[in-house]
Protein backbone atom coordinates (compact mmCIF):
# COMPACT_ATOMS: atom_id res chain seq x y z
CA MET A 1 19.89 -22.04 -2.57
CA SER A 2 19.76 -20.77 0.99
CA GLY A 3 19.91 -23.01 4.04
CA ARG A 4 16.30 -22.29 4.95
CA THR A 5 13.64 -24.92 4.57
CA PRO A 6 10.88 -23.93 2.16
CA ARG A 7 7.60 -23.01 3.78
CA ALA A 8 4.30 -24.05 2.30
CA LYS A 9 2.74 -21.15 0.47
CA ILE A 10 -0.48 -19.70 1.77
CA GLU A 11 -1.44 -19.23 -1.85
CA ASP A 12 -1.46 -22.99 -2.58
CA ARG A 13 -5.24 -23.19 -2.45
CA SER A 14 -6.50 -20.90 -5.21
CA SER A 15 -9.19 -21.13 -7.84
CA LYS A 16 -10.45 -19.00 -10.69
CA SER A 17 -13.77 -18.39 -8.90
CA ALA A 18 -11.92 -17.15 -5.80
CA LYS A 19 -10.02 -14.65 -7.95
CA ILE A 20 -13.25 -13.42 -9.55
CA LEU A 21 -15.06 -13.13 -6.21
CA TYR A 22 -12.10 -11.27 -4.74
CA LYS A 23 -12.06 -8.53 -7.43
CA PRO A 24 -14.71 -6.24 -5.84
CA TRP A 25 -13.20 -6.91 -2.43
CA GLY A 26 -9.77 -5.88 -3.76
CA ILE A 27 -11.12 -2.70 -5.36
CA VAL A 28 -12.72 -1.57 -2.11
CA GLY A 29 -9.51 -2.41 -0.25
CA SER A 30 -7.47 -0.36 -2.72
CA LEU A 31 -9.72 2.66 -2.26
CA LEU A 32 -9.59 2.36 1.53
CA SER A 33 -5.82 1.95 1.52
CA ALA A 34 -5.44 5.08 -0.62
CA ILE A 35 -7.56 7.09 1.83
CA VAL A 36 -5.62 5.80 4.83
CA ALA A 37 -2.25 6.33 3.11
CA ARG A 38 -3.20 9.91 2.23
CA GLN A 39 -4.12 10.66 5.84
CA ILE A 40 -0.88 9.12 7.11
CA PHE A 41 1.13 11.03 4.51
CA GLN A 42 -0.47 14.35 5.50
CA LYS A 43 0.51 13.80 9.13
CA VAL A 44 4.02 12.51 8.40
CA ALA A 45 4.75 15.15 5.76
CA THR A 46 4.38 18.04 8.18
CA LYS A 47 6.97 16.48 10.50
CA VAL A 48 9.48 14.93 8.07
CA ILE A 49 9.60 17.16 5.01
CA PRO A 50 11.75 20.27 5.52
CA VAL A 51 9.34 23.01 4.38
CA ASP A 52 7.65 25.89 6.18
CA SER A 53 4.15 25.21 4.88
CA ASP A 54 1.60 22.83 6.42
CA ASP A 55 0.96 21.36 2.97
CA PRO A 56 3.60 19.18 1.31
CA PRO A 57 5.25 20.72 -1.74
CA LYS A 58 3.96 19.79 -5.17
CA PRO A 59 6.24 19.30 -8.19
CA LEU A 60 4.91 22.37 -10.04
CA GLU A 61 5.32 24.79 -7.14
CA SER A 62 8.35 26.86 -8.08
CA GLU A 63 9.07 28.17 -4.59
CA TYR A 64 10.37 24.74 -3.49
CA ARG A 65 13.76 23.30 -4.32
CA LEU A 66 14.07 20.03 -6.20
CA ARG A 67 15.44 18.38 -3.06
CA GLU A 68 12.22 19.13 -1.15
CA ILE A 69 10.08 17.84 -4.02
CA VAL A 70 12.09 14.60 -4.25
CA ILE A 71 11.98 14.00 -0.49
CA THR A 72 8.23 14.54 -0.57
CA ALA A 73 7.80 12.07 -3.43
CA LEU A 74 9.97 9.45 -1.70
CA VAL A 75 8.06 9.72 1.57
CA GLN A 76 4.70 9.65 -0.19
CA GLY A 77 5.63 6.67 -2.37
CA ALA A 78 6.96 4.67 0.56
CA ILE A 79 3.86 5.31 2.66
CA PHE A 80 1.47 4.45 -0.16
CA ALA A 81 3.36 1.25 -1.06
CA VAL A 82 3.49 -0.02 2.52
CA VAL A 83 -0.15 0.77 3.29
CA LYS A 84 -1.31 -0.81 0.02
CA ALA A 85 0.73 -3.97 0.68
CA LEU A 86 -0.65 -4.27 4.22
CA PHE A 87 -4.23 -3.80 3.03
CA GLN A 88 -3.86 -6.27 0.16
CA ARG A 89 -2.28 -8.94 2.31
CA GLY A 90 -4.74 -8.44 5.15
CA SER A 91 -7.78 -8.51 2.89
CA ALA A 92 -6.49 -11.61 1.08
CA ARG A 93 -6.04 -13.41 4.40
CA ALA A 94 -9.51 -12.36 5.56
CA PHE A 95 -10.95 -13.56 2.25
CA GLN A 96 -9.16 -16.88 2.70
CA ARG A 97 -10.51 -17.28 6.25
CA TRP A 98 -14.06 -16.63 5.06
CA THR A 99 -13.98 -18.68 1.86
CA GLY A 100 -11.20 -21.20 2.44
CA GLU A 101 -9.47 -20.15 -0.79
CA TRP A 102 -6.55 -17.83 -1.45
CA PRO A 103 -7.43 -15.15 -4.06
CA GLY A 104 -3.93 -14.66 -5.45
CA ASP A 105 -1.91 -16.39 -8.14
């Protein structure tokens, strides 16, 4: 066990009804996060991924090397994961502020 003192979990106050009410909220948040992540990826990809095209390489495009495809996938996956986590956490906190209950487990 580490030397840190345990913090009270935000998730301590949760109920089944909060989880059910949060479902549509979570779905909308997921869709919005995917849209935002895609836009961020498009901007980052043109600067980070070493290709001559404005569009990031796709796995089935034979003119790109495997290295370029893998770098593209890594960048895209990282961006999508971070944006999704930020949206989920932010929407859960907003839900908790509005309802007084945490929607998670």
